[in-house]
């Protein structure tokens, strides 16, 4: 998949349900801008939430968006390291695998 493009199932959903896709993105934008956290912090929180929920696609998306926002690989990796003591080593290792999956970025 080219860097920055959406996975095919997401592209298909967007084409099939354009109004739902638009509403989903509007909600995401409103949530993103609803509080006092700066852009970098919001992006790192999204990475952490995706890892904590065990959502592979969301982790790929959160990492992709974090990188677009200038968050460094070291900062993203630190989120996965922090997961060790909360979620466990297997969850953190899974997160590292997803974050390194270049075919999903």
PDB file of N, CA and C in Angstrom:
ATOM      1  N   UNK A   1       0.851  -1.175   0.000  1.00  0.00           N
ATOM      2  CA  UNK A   1       0.000   0.000   0.000  1.00  0.00           C
ATOM      3  C   UNK A   1       0.894   1.233   0.000  1.00  0.00           C
ATOM      4  N   UNK A   2       0.622   2.191  -0.878  1.00  0.00           N
ATOM      5  CA  UNK A   2       1.421   3.411  -0.876  1.00  0.00           C
ATOM      6  C   UNK A   2       1.290   4.160   0.447  1.00  0.00           C
ATOM      7  N   UNK A   3       2.382   4.769   0.852  1.00  0.00           N
ATOM      8  CA  UNK A   3       2.391   5.510   2.118  1.00  0.00           C
ATOM      9  C   UNK A   3       1.291   6.570   2.113  1.00  0.00           C
ATOM     10  N   UNK A   4       0.513   6.603   3.192  1.00  0.00           N
ATOM     11  CA  UNK A   4      -0.525   7.609   3.336  1.00  0.00           C
ATOM     12  C   UNK A   4      -1.870   7.215   2.762  1.00  0.00           C
ATOM     13  N   UNK A   5      -1.932   6.120   2.018  1.00  0.00           N
ATOM     14  CA  UNK A   5      -3.223   5.713   1.475  1.00  0.00           C
ATOM     15  C   UNK A   5      -3.957   4.838   2.478  1.00  0.00           C
ATOM     16  N   UNK A   6      -5.259   4.775   2.309  1.00  0.00           N
ATOM     17  CA  UNK A   6      -6.084   3.972   3.211  1.00  0.00           C
ATOM     18  C   UNK A   6      -6.091   2.519   2.768  1.00  0.00           C
ATOM     19  N   UNK A   7      -6.229   1.587   3.713  1.00  0.00           N
ATOM     20  CA  UNK A   7      -6.356   0.178   3.338  1.00  0.00           C
ATOM     21  C   UNK A   7      -7.575  -0.025   2.436  1.00  0.00           C
ATOM     22  N   UNK A   8      -7.506  -0.992   1.552  1.00  0.00           N
ATOM     23  CA  UNK A   8      -8.582  -1.239   0.594  1.00  0.00           C
ATOM     24  C   UNK A   8      -9.954  -1.393   1.255  1.00  0.00           C
ATOM     25  N   UNK A   9     -10.096  -2.146   2.345  1.00  0.00           N
ATOM     26  CA  UNK A   9     -11.436  -2.255   2.956  1.00  0.00           C
ATOM     27  C   UNK A   9     -11.991  -0.890   3.393  1.00  0.00           C
ATOM     28  N   UNK A  10     -11.118  -0.004   3.846  1.00  0.00           N
ATOM     29  CA  UNK A  10     -11.569   1.331   4.255  1.00  0.00           C
ATOM     30  C   UNK A  10     -11.948   2.145   3.015  1.00  0.00           C
ATOM     31  N   UNK A  11     -11.160   2.043   1.959  1.00  0.00           N
ATOM     32  CA  UNK A  11     -11.494   2.728   0.709  1.00  0.00           C
ATOM     33  C   UNK A  11     -12.848   2.257   0.186  1.00  0.00           C
ATOM     34  N   UNK A  12     -13.062   0.945   0.253  1.00  0.00           N
ATOM     35  CA  UNK A  12     -14.337   0.379  -0.206  1.00  0.00           C
ATOM     36  C   UNK A  12     -15.507   0.910   0.625  1.00  0.00           C
ATOM     37  N   UNK A  13     -15.321   0.961   1.944  1.00  0.00           N
ATOM     38  CA  UNK A  13     -16.368   1.488   2.819  1.00  0.00           C
ATOM     39  C   UNK A  13     -16.660   2.950   2.451  1.00  0.00           C
ATOM     40  N   UNK A  14     -15.612   3.727   2.271  1.00  0.00           N
ATOM     41  CA  UNK A  14     -15.765   5.147   1.933  1.00  0.00           C
ATOM     42  C   UNK A  14     -16.556   5.326   0.641  1.00  0.00           C
ATOM     43  N   UNK A  15     -16.293   4.494  -0.360  1.00  0.00           N
ATOM     44  CA  UNK A  15     -17.012   4.578  -1.632  1.00  0.00           C
ATOM     45  C   UNK A  15     -18.469   4.140  -1.493  1.00  0.00           C
ATOM     46  N   UNK A  16     -18.683   3.099  -0.710  1.00  0.00           N
ATOM     47  CA  UNK A  16     -20.036   2.547  -0.573  1.00  0.00           C
ATOM     48  C   UNK A  16     -20.937   3.426   0.286  1.00  0.00           C
ATOM     49  N   UNK A  17     -20.374   4.052   1.315  1.00  0.00           N
ATOM     50  CA  UNK A  17     -21.147   4.852   2.267  1.00  0.00           C
ATOM     51  C   UNK A  17     -20.520   6.241   2.444  1.00  0.00           C
ATOM     52  N   UNK A  18     -20.519   7.052   1.411  1.00  0.00           N
ATOM     53  CA  UNK A  18     -19.829   8.345   1.487  1.00  0.00           C
ATOM     54  C   UNK A  18     -20.387   9.271   2.577  1.00  0.00           C
ATOM     55  N   UNK A  19     -21.694   9.243   2.798  1.00  0.00           N
ATOM     56  CA  UNK A  19     -22.266  10.115   3.833  1.00  0.00           C
ATOM     57  C   UNK A  19     -21.840   9.679   5.226  1.00  0.00           C
ATOM     58  N   UNK A  20     -21.774   8.374   5.457  1.00  0.00           N
ATOM     59  CA  UNK A  20     -21.318   7.861   6.752  1.00  0.00           C
ATOM     60  C   UNK A  20     -19.842   8.204   6.935  1.00  0.00           C
ATOM     61  N   UNK A  21     -19.060   8.035   5.884  1.00  0.00           N
ATOM     62  CA  UNK A  21     -17.628   8.355   5.938  1.00  0.00           C
ATOM     63  C   UNK A  21     -17.415   9.828   6.287  1.00  0.00           C
ATOM     64  N   UNK A  22     -18.200  10.693   5.645  1.00  0.00           N
ATOM     65  CA  UNK A  22     -18.094  12.130   5.909  1.00  0.00           C
ATOM     66  C   UNK A  22     -18.447  12.436   7.365  1.00  0.00           C
ATOM     67  N   UNK A  23     -19.538  11.853   7.853  1.00  0.00           N
ATOM     68  CA  UNK A  23     -19.959  12.084   9.245  1.00  0.00           C
ATOM     69  C   UNK A  23     -18.920  11.551  10.224  1.00  0.00           C
ATOM     70  N   UNK A  24     -18.358  10.384   9.930  1.00  0.00           N
ATOM     71  CA  UNK A  24     -17.326   9.783  10.779  1.00  0.00           C
ATOM     72  C   UNK A  24     -16.119  10.711  10.889  1.00  0.00           C
ATOM     73  N   UNK A  25     -15.687  11.256   9.757  1.00  0.00           N
ATOM     74  CA  UNK A  25     -14.534  12.149   9.754  1.00  0.00           C
ATOM     75  C   UNK A  25     -14.840  13.475  10.437  1.00  0.00           C
ATOM     76  N   UNK A  26     -16.054  13.970  10.279  1.00  0.00           N
ATOM     77  CA  UNK A  26     -16.439  15.198  10.972  1.00  0.00           C
ATOM     78  C   UNK A  26     -16.415  14.982  12.480  1.00  0.00           C
ATOM     79  N   UNK A  27     -16.938  13.842  12.938  1.00  0.00           N
ATOM     80  CA  UNK A  27     -16.911  13.532  14.371  1.00  0.00           C
ATOM     81  C   UNK A  27     -15.469  13.445  14.863  1.00  0.00           C
ATOM     82  N   UNK A  28     -14.629  12.763  14.094  1.00  0.00           N
ATOM     83  CA  UNK A  28     -13.221  12.651  14.464  1.00  0.00           C
ATOM     84  C   UNK A  28     -12.552  14.013  14.578  1.00  0.00           C
ATOM     85  N   UNK A  29     -12.836  14.884  13.620  1.00  0.00           N
ATOM     86  CA  UNK A  29     -12.259  16.237  13.654  1.00  0.00           C
ATOM     87  C   UNK A  29     -12.754  17.013  14.873  1.00  0.00           C
ATOM     88  N   UNK A  30     -14.045  16.907  15.161  1.00  0.00           N
ATOM     89  CA  UNK A  30     -14.601  17.620  16.309  1.00  0.00           C
ATOM     90  C   UNK A  30     -14.011  17.101  17.622  1.00  0.00           C
ATOM     91  N   UNK A  31     -13.875  15.792  17.741  1.00  0.00           N
ATOM     92  CA  UNK A  31     -13.264  15.221  18.953  1.00  0.00           C
ATOM     93  C   UNK A  31     -11.811  15.666  19.075  1.00  0.00           C
ATOM     94  N   UNK A  32     -11.107  15.663  17.960  1.00  0.00           N
ATOM     95  CA  UNK A  32      -9.690  16.021  17.956  1.00  0.00           C
ATOM     96  C   UNK A  32      -9.476  17.450  18.452  1.00  0.00           C
ATOM     97  N   UNK A  33     -10.398  18.336  18.082  1.00  0.00           N
ATOM     98  CA  UNK A  33     -10.250  19.750  18.417  1.00  0.00           C
ATOM     99  C   UNK A  33     -11.018  20.178  19.667  1.00  0.00           C
ATOM    100  N   UNK A  34     -11.598  19.236  20.403  1.00  0.00           N
ATOM    101  CA  UNK A  34     -12.518  19.566  21.500  1.00  0.00           C
ATOM    102  C   UNK A  34     -11.848  19.971  22.810  1.00  0.00           C
ATOM    103  N   UNK A  35     -10.558  19.786  22.947  1.00  0.00           N
ATOM    104  CA  UNK A  35      -9.942  20.055  24.241  1.00  0.00           C
ATOM    105  C   UNK A  35      -8.625  20.784  24.142  1.00  0.00           C
ATOM    106  N   UNK A  36      -7.940  20.887  25.266  1.00  0.00           N
ATOM    107  CA  UNK A  36      -6.730  21.706  25.340  1.00  0.00           C
ATOM    108  C   UNK A  36      -5.431  21.003  24.936  1.00  0.00           C
ATOM    109  N   UNK A  37      -5.477  19.715  24.620  1.00  0.00           N
ATOM    110  CA  UNK A  37      -4.235  19.009  24.300  1.00  0.00           C
ATOM    111  C   UNK A  37      -3.669  19.491  22.967  1.00  0.00           C
ATOM    112  N   UNK A  38      -2.349  19.597  22.905  1.00  0.00           N
ATOM    113  CA  UNK A  38      -1.708  20.005  21.659  1.00  0.00           C
ATOM    114  C   UNK A  38      -1.707  18.836  20.678  1.00  0.00           C
ATOM    115  N   UNK A  39      -1.396  19.129  19.417  1.00  0.00           N
ATOM    116  CA  UNK A  39      -1.456  18.142  18.339  1.00  0.00           C
ATOM    117  C   UNK A  39      -0.617  16.896  18.638  1.00  0.00           C
ATOM    118  N   UNK A  40       0.617  17.097  19.052  1.00  0.00           N
ATOM    119  CA  UNK A  40       1.514  15.968  19.317  1.00  0.00           C
ATOM    120  C   UNK A  40       0.951  15.074  20.417  1.00  0.00           C
ATOM    121  N   UNK A  41       0.465  15.673  21.483  1.00  0.00           N
ATOM    122  CA  UNK A  41      -0.097  14.894  22.585  1.00  0.00           C
ATOM    123  C   UNK A  41      -1.327  14.118  22.128  1.00  0.00           C
ATOM    124  N   UNK A  42      -2.194  14.772  21.361  1.00  0.00           N
ATOM    125  CA  UNK A  42      -3.396  14.084  20.859  1.00  0.00           C
ATOM    126  C   UNK A  42      -3.008  12.882  20.015  1.00  0.00           C
ATOM    127  N   UNK A  43      -2.012  13.038  19.182  1.00  0.00           N
ATOM    128  CA  UNK A  43      -1.586  11.928  18.310  1.00  0.00           C
ATOM    129  C   UNK A  43      -0.999  10.776  19.127  1.00  0.00           C
ATOM    130  N   UNK A  44      -0.228  11.087  20.143  1.00  0.00           N
ATOM    131  CA  UNK A  44       0.337  10.033  21.001  1.00  0.00           C
ATOM    132  C   UNK A  44      -0.757   9.338  21.810  1.00  0.00           C
ATOM    133  N   UNK A  45      -1.752  10.092  22.255  1.00  0.00           N
ATOM    134  CA  UNK A  45      -2.880   9.485  22.973  1.00  0.00           C
ATOM    135  C   UNK A  45      -3.628   8.524  22.051  1.00  0.00           C
ATOM    136  N   UNK A  46      -3.830   8.905  20.799  1.00  0.00           N
ATOM    137  CA  UNK A  46      -4.516   8.016  19.855  1.00  0.00           C
ATOM    138  C   UNK A  46      -3.722   6.728  19.637  1.00  0.00           C
ATOM    139  N   UNK A  47      -2.399   6.841  19.567  1.00  0.00           N
ATOM    140  CA  UNK A  47      -1.572   5.636  19.452  1.00  0.00           C
ATOM    141  C   UNK A  47      -1.782   4.758  20.685  1.00  0.00           C
ATOM    142  N   UNK A  48      -1.736   5.361  21.860  1.00  0.00           N
ATOM    143  CA  UNK A  48      -1.895   4.608  23.104  1.00  0.00           C
ATOM    144  C   UNK A  48      -3.266   3.951  23.189  1.00  0.00           C
ATOM    145  N   UNK A  49      -4.315   4.671  22.833  1.00  0.00           N
ATOM    146  CA  UNK A  49      -5.666   4.099  22.878  1.00  0.00           C
ATOM    147  C   UNK A  49      -5.794   2.920  21.927  1.00  0.00           C
ATOM    148  N   UNK A  50      -5.225   3.046  20.744  1.00  0.00           N
ATOM    149  CA  UNK A  50      -5.291   1.967  19.760  1.00  0.00           C
ATOM    150  C   UNK A  50      -4.560   0.722  20.244  1.00  0.00           C
ATOM    151  N   UNK A  51      -3.382   0.938  20.825  1.00  0.00           N
ATOM    152  CA  UNK A  51      -2.611  -0.180  21.374  1.00  0.00           C
ATOM    153  C   UNK A  51      -3.380  -0.826  22.520  1.00  0.00           C
ATOM    154  N   UNK A  52      -3.887  -0.002  23.433  1.00  0.00           N
ATOM    155  CA  UNK A  52      -4.598  -0.520  24.594  1.00  0.00           C
ATOM    156  C   UNK A  52      -5.849  -1.290  24.232  1.00  0.00           C
ATOM    157  N   UNK A  53      -6.525  -0.863  23.162  1.00  0.00           N
ATOM    158  CA  UNK A  53      -7.736  -1.549  22.728  1.00  0.00           C
ATOM    159  C   UNK A  53      -7.420  -2.779  21.882  1.00  0.00           C
ATOM    160  N   UNK A  54      -6.155  -2.947  21.529  1.00  0.00           N
ATOM    161  CA  UNK A  54      -5.763  -4.108  20.729  1.00  0.00           C
ATOM    162  C   UNK A  54      -6.268  -4.045  19.300  1.00  0.00           C
ATOM    163  N   UNK A  55      -6.304  -2.842  18.732  1.00  0.00           N
ATOM    164  CA  UNK A  55      -6.849  -2.632  17.391  1.00  0.00           C
ATOM    165  C   UNK A  55      -5.732  -2.397  16.375  1.00  0.00           C
ATOM    166  N   UNK A  56      -5.473  -3.396  15.568  1.00  0.00           N
ATOM    167  CA  UNK A  56      -4.371  -3.312  14.614  1.00  0.00           C
ATOM    168  C   UNK A  56      -4.556  -2.184  13.603  1.00  0.00           C
ATOM    169  N   UNK A  57      -5.707  -2.136  12.958  1.00  0.00           N
ATOM    170  CA  UNK A  57      -5.942  -1.104  11.955  1.00  0.00           C
ATOM    171  C   UNK A  57      -5.892   0.295  12.546  1.00  0.00           C
ATOM    172  N   UNK A  58      -6.462   0.453  13.736  1.00  0.00           N
ATOM    173  CA  UNK A  58      -6.435   1.757  14.400  1.00  0.00           C
ATOM    174  C   UNK A  58      -5.007   2.145  14.778  1.00  0.00           C
ATOM    175  N   UNK A  59      -4.204   1.157  15.170  1.00  0.00           N
ATOM    176  CA  UNK A  59      -2.806   1.436  15.494  1.00  0.00           C
ATOM    177  C   UNK A  59      -2.068   1.896  14.248  1.00  0.00           C
ATOM    178  N   UNK A  60      -2.272   1.200  13.121  1.00  0.00           N
ATOM    179  CA  UNK A  60      -1.645   1.624  11.864  1.00  0.00           C
ATOM    180  C   UNK A  60      -2.046   3.061  11.538  1.00  0.00           C
ATOM    181  N   UNK A  61      -3.337   3.353  11.644  1.00  0.00           N
ATOM    182  CA  UNK A  61      -3.834   4.692  11.337  1.00  0.00           C
ATOM    183  C   UNK A  61      -3.260   5.738  12.288  1.00  0.00           C
ATOM    184  N   UNK A  62      -3.260   5.426  13.578  1.00  0.00           N
ATOM    185  CA  UNK A  62      -2.758   6.380  14.572  1.00  0.00           C
ATOM    186  C   UNK A  62      -1.275   6.663  14.362  1.00  0.00           C
ATOM    187  N   UNK A  63      -0.512   5.628  14.051  1.00  0.00           N
ATOM    188  CA  UNK A  63       0.926   5.818  13.792  1.00  0.00           C
ATOM    189  C   UNK A  63       1.118   6.634  12.519  1.00  0.00           C
ATOM    190  N   UNK A  64       0.370   6.325  11.487  1.00  0.00           N
ATOM    191  CA  UNK A  64       0.457   7.066  10.223  1.00  0.00           C
ATOM    192  C   UNK A  64       0.152   8.553  10.464  1.00  0.00           C
ATOM    193  N   UNK A  65      -0.918   8.830  11.194  1.00  0.00           N
ATOM    194  CA  UNK A  65      -1.298  10.225  11.466  1.00  0.00           C
ATOM    195  C   UNK A  65      -0.299  10.918  12.392  1.00  0.00           C
ATOM    196  N   UNK A  66       0.236  10.183  13.345  1.00  0.00           N
ATOM    197  CA  UNK A  66       1.241  10.765  14.237  1.00  0.00           C
ATOM    198  C   UNK A  66       2.478  11.165  13.441  1.00  0.00           C
ATOM    199  N   UNK A  67       2.924  10.296  12.561  1.00  0.00           N
ATOM    200  CA  UNK A  67       4.111  10.608  11.753  1.00  0.00           C
ATOM    201  C   UNK A  67       3.863  11.814  10.859  1.00  0.00           C
ATOM    202  N   UNK A  68       2.659  11.898  10.271  1.00  0.00           N
ATOM    203  CA  UNK A  68       2.322  13.058   9.437  1.00  0.00           C
ATOM    204  C   UNK A  68       2.360  14.349  10.248  1.00  0.00           C
ATOM    205  N   UNK A  69       2.095  14.235  11.536  1.00  0.00           N
ATOM    206  CA  UNK A  69       2.076  15.409  12.421  1.00  0.00           C
ATOM    207  C   UNK A  69       3.444  15.721  13.013  1.00  0.00           C
ATOM    208  N   UNK A  70       4.464  14.951  12.621  1.00  0.00           N
ATOM    209  CA  UNK A  70       5.820  15.238  13.079  1.00  0.00           C
ATOM    210  C   UNK A  70       6.254  14.496  14.330  1.00  0.00           C
ATOM    211  N   UNK A  71       5.440  13.561  14.809  1.00  0.00           N
ATOM    212  CA  UNK A  71       5.830  12.763  15.972  1.00  0.00           C
ATOM    213  C   UNK A  71       6.928  11.798  15.509  1.00  0.00           C
ATOM    214  N   UNK A  72       7.982  11.690  16.293  1.00  0.00           N
ATOM    215  CA  UNK A  72       9.115  10.864  15.896  1.00  0.00           C
ATOM    216  C   UNK A  72       8.866   9.384  16.194  1.00  0.00           C
ATOM    217  N   UNK A  73       9.639   8.551  15.536  1.00  0.00           N
ATOM    218  CA  UNK A  73       9.557   7.113  15.783  1.00  0.00           C
ATOM    219  C   UNK A  73       9.904   6.811  17.238  1.00  0.00           C
ATOM    220  N   UNK A  74      10.892   7.494  17.783  1.00  0.00           N
ATOM    221  CA  UNK A  74      11.269   7.272  19.180  1.00  0.00           C
ATOM    222  C   UNK A  74      10.116   7.600  20.123  1.00  0.00           C
ATOM    223  N   UNK A  75       9.385   8.661  19.838  1.00  0.00           N
ATOM    224  CA  UNK A  75       8.247   9.028  20.683  1.00  0.00           C
ATOM    225  C   UNK A  75       7.122   8.001  20.577  1.00  0.00           C
ATOM    226  N   UNK A  76       6.862   7.528  19.372  1.00  0.00           N
ATOM    227  CA  UNK A  76       5.832   6.499  19.174  1.00  0.00           C
ATOM    228  C   UNK A  76       6.253   5.210  19.867  1.00  0.00           C
ATOM    229  N   UNK A  77       7.514   4.823  19.720  1.00  0.00           N
ATOM    230  CA  UNK A  77       8.007   3.618  20.379  1.00  0.00           C
ATOM    231  C   UNK A  77       7.898   3.719  21.897  1.00  0.00           C
ATOM    232  N   UNK A  78       8.094   4.906  22.443  1.00  0.00           N
ATOM    233  CA  UNK A  78       7.993   5.086  23.890  1.00  0.00           C
ATOM    234  C   UNK A  78       6.586   4.738  24.378  1.00  0.00           C
ATOM    235  N   UNK A  79       5.576   5.046  23.569  1.00  0.00           N
ATOM    236  CA  UNK A  79       4.205   4.677  23.925  1.00  0.00           C
ATOM    237  C   UNK A  79       4.096   3.157  24.082  1.00  0.00           C
ATOM    238  N   UNK A  80       4.682   2.416  23.162  1.00  0.00           N
ATOM    239  CA  UNK A  80       4.634   0.954  23.255  1.00  0.00           C
ATOM    240  C   UNK A  80       5.414   0.451  24.459  1.00  0.00           C
ATOM    241  N   UNK A  81       6.533   1.077  24.772  1.00  0.00           N
ATOM    242  CA  UNK A  81       7.304   0.686  25.955  1.00  0.00           C
ATOM    243  C   UNK A  81       6.479   0.933  27.215  1.00  0.00           C
ATOM    244  N   UNK A  82       5.765   2.049  27.253  1.00  0.00           N
ATOM    245  CA  UNK A  82       4.916   2.331  28.415  1.00  0.00           C
ATOM    246  C   UNK A  82       3.812   1.295  28.577  1.00  0.00           C
ATOM    247  N   UNK A  83       3.422   0.657  27.483  1.00  0.00           N
ATOM    248  CA  UNK A  83       2.382  -0.369  27.549  1.00  0.00           C
ATOM    249  C   UNK A  83       2.834  -1.612  28.307  1.00  0.00           C
ATOM    250  N   UNK A  84       4.131  -1.833  28.407  1.00  0.00           N
ATOM    251  CA  UNK A  84       4.643  -3.047  29.052  1.00  0.00           C
ATOM    252  C   UNK A  84       4.103  -3.199  30.474  1.00  0.00           C
ATOM    253  N   UNK A  85       4.192  -2.137  31.264  1.00  0.00           N
ATOM    254  CA  UNK A  85       3.800  -2.258  32.673  1.00  0.00           C
ATOM    255  C   UNK A  85       2.287  -2.184  32.877  1.00  0.00           C
ATOM    256  N   UNK A  86       1.548  -1.726  31.881  1.00  0.00           N
ATOM    257  CA  UNK A  86       0.097  -1.630  32.007  1.00  0.00           C
ATOM    258  C   UNK A  86      -0.611  -2.782  31.310  1.00  0.00           C
ATOM    259  N   UNK A  87      -0.204  -3.086  30.087  1.00  0.00           N
ATOM    260  CA  UNK A  87      -0.875  -4.102  29.279  1.00  0.00           C
ATOM    261  C   UNK A  87      -0.121  -5.424  29.226  1.00  0.00           C
ATOM    262  N   UNK A  88       1.170  -5.379  29.509  1.00  0.00           N
ATOM    263  CA  UNK A  88       1.989  -6.582  29.464  1.00  0.00           C
ATOM    264  C   UNK A  88       2.912  -6.601  28.260  1.00  0.00           C
ATOM    265  N   UNK A  89       3.960  -7.395  28.385  1.00  0.00           N
ATOM    266  CA  UNK A  89       4.945  -7.500  27.316  1.00  0.00           C
ATOM    267  C   UNK A  89       4.344  -8.018  26.011  1.00  0.00           C
ATOM    268  N   UNK A  90       3.453  -9.022  26.037  1.00  0.00           N
ATOM    269  CA  UNK A  90       2.882  -9.473  24.761  1.00  0.00           C
ATOM    270  C   UNK A  90       2.135  -8.362  24.013  1.00  0.00           C
ATOM    271  N   UNK A  91       1.375  -7.551  24.719  1.00  0.00           N
ATOM    272  CA  UNK A  91       0.646  -6.461  24.073  1.00  0.00           C
ATOM    273  C   UNK A  91       1.610  -5.419  23.516  1.00  0.00           C
ATOM    274  N   UNK A  92       2.659  -5.116  24.255  1.00  0.00           N
ATOM    275  CA  UNK A  92       3.639  -4.150  23.785  1.00  0.00           C
ATOM    276  C   UNK A  92       4.372  -4.691  22.557  1.00  0.00           C
ATOM    277  N   UNK A  93       4.712  -5.953  22.584  1.00  0.00           N
ATOM    278  CA  UNK A  93       5.387  -6.573  21.444  1.00  0.00           C
ATOM    279  C   UNK A  93       4.481  -6.558  20.218  1.00  0.00           C
ATOM    280  N   UNK A  94       3.198  -6.856  20.421  1.00  0.00           N
ATOM    281  CA  UNK A  94       2.225  -6.800  19.327  1.00  0.00           C
ATOM    282  C   UNK A  94       2.187  -5.382  18.751  1.00  0.00           C
ATOM    283  N   UNK A  95       2.192  -4.376  19.623  1.00  0.00           N
ATOM    284  CA  UNK A  95       2.169  -2.987  19.172  1.00  0.00           C
ATOM    285  C   UNK A  95       3.404  -2.659  18.342  1.00  0.00           C
ATOM    286  N   UNK A  96       4.571  -3.092  18.797  1.00  0.00           N
ATOM    287  CA  UNK A  96       5.793  -2.846  18.035  1.00  0.00           C
ATOM    288  C   UNK A  96       5.698  -3.483  16.652  1.00  0.00           C
ATOM    289  N   UNK A  97       5.120  -4.660  16.580  1.00  0.00           N
ATOM    290  CA  UNK A  97       4.953  -5.342  15.292  1.00  0.00           C
ATOM    291  C   UNK A  97       4.069  -4.520  14.375  1.00  0.00           C
ATOM    292  N   UNK A  98       2.944  -4.039  14.899  1.00  0.00           N
ATOM    293  CA  UNK A  98       2.035  -3.227  14.088  1.00  0.00           C
ATOM    294  C   UNK A  98       2.681  -1.920  13.671  1.00  0.00           C
ATOM    295  N   UNK A  99       3.407  -1.292  14.584  1.00  0.00           N
ATOM    296  CA  UNK A  99       4.019   0.001  14.274  1.00  0.00           C
ATOM    297  C   UNK A  99       5.118  -0.129  13.221  1.00  0.00           C
ATOM    298  N   UNK A 100       5.745  -1.279  13.155  1.00  0.00           N
ATOM    299  CA  UNK A 100       6.828  -1.500  12.185  1.00  0.00           C
ATOM    300  C   UNK A 100       6.324  -2.043  10.858  1.00  0.00           C
ATOM    301  N   UNK A 101       5.047  -2.327  10.752  1.00  0.00           N
ATOM    302  CA  UNK A 101       4.474  -2.929   9.546  1.00  0.00           C
ATOM    303  C   UNK A 101       4.420  -1.894   8.443  1.00  0.00           C
ATOM    304  N   UNK A 102       5.458  -1.823   7.649  1.00  0.00           N
ATOM    305  CA  UNK A 102       5.588  -0.813   6.618  1.00  0.00           C
ATOM    306  C   UNK A 102       4.520  -0.959   5.533  1.00  0.00           C
ATOM    307  N   UNK A 103       3.981  -2.139   5.334  1.00  0.00           N
ATOM    308  CA  UNK A 103       2.971  -2.314   4.313  1.00  0.00           C
ATOM    309  C   UNK A 103       1.652  -1.647   4.692  1.00  0.00           C
ATOM    310  N   UNK A 104       1.510  -1.253   5.951  1.00  0.00           N
ATOM    311  CA  UNK A 104       0.260  -0.638   6.416  1.00  0.00           C
ATOM    312  C   UNK A 104       0.371   0.872   6.575  1.00  0.00           C
ATOM    313  N   UNK A 105       1.494   1.438   6.188  1.00  0.00           N
ATOM    314  CA  UNK A 105       1.656   2.890   6.352  1.00  0.00           C
ATOM    315  C   UNK A 105       1.539   3.624   5.057  1.00  0.00           C
TER     316      UNK A 105
END
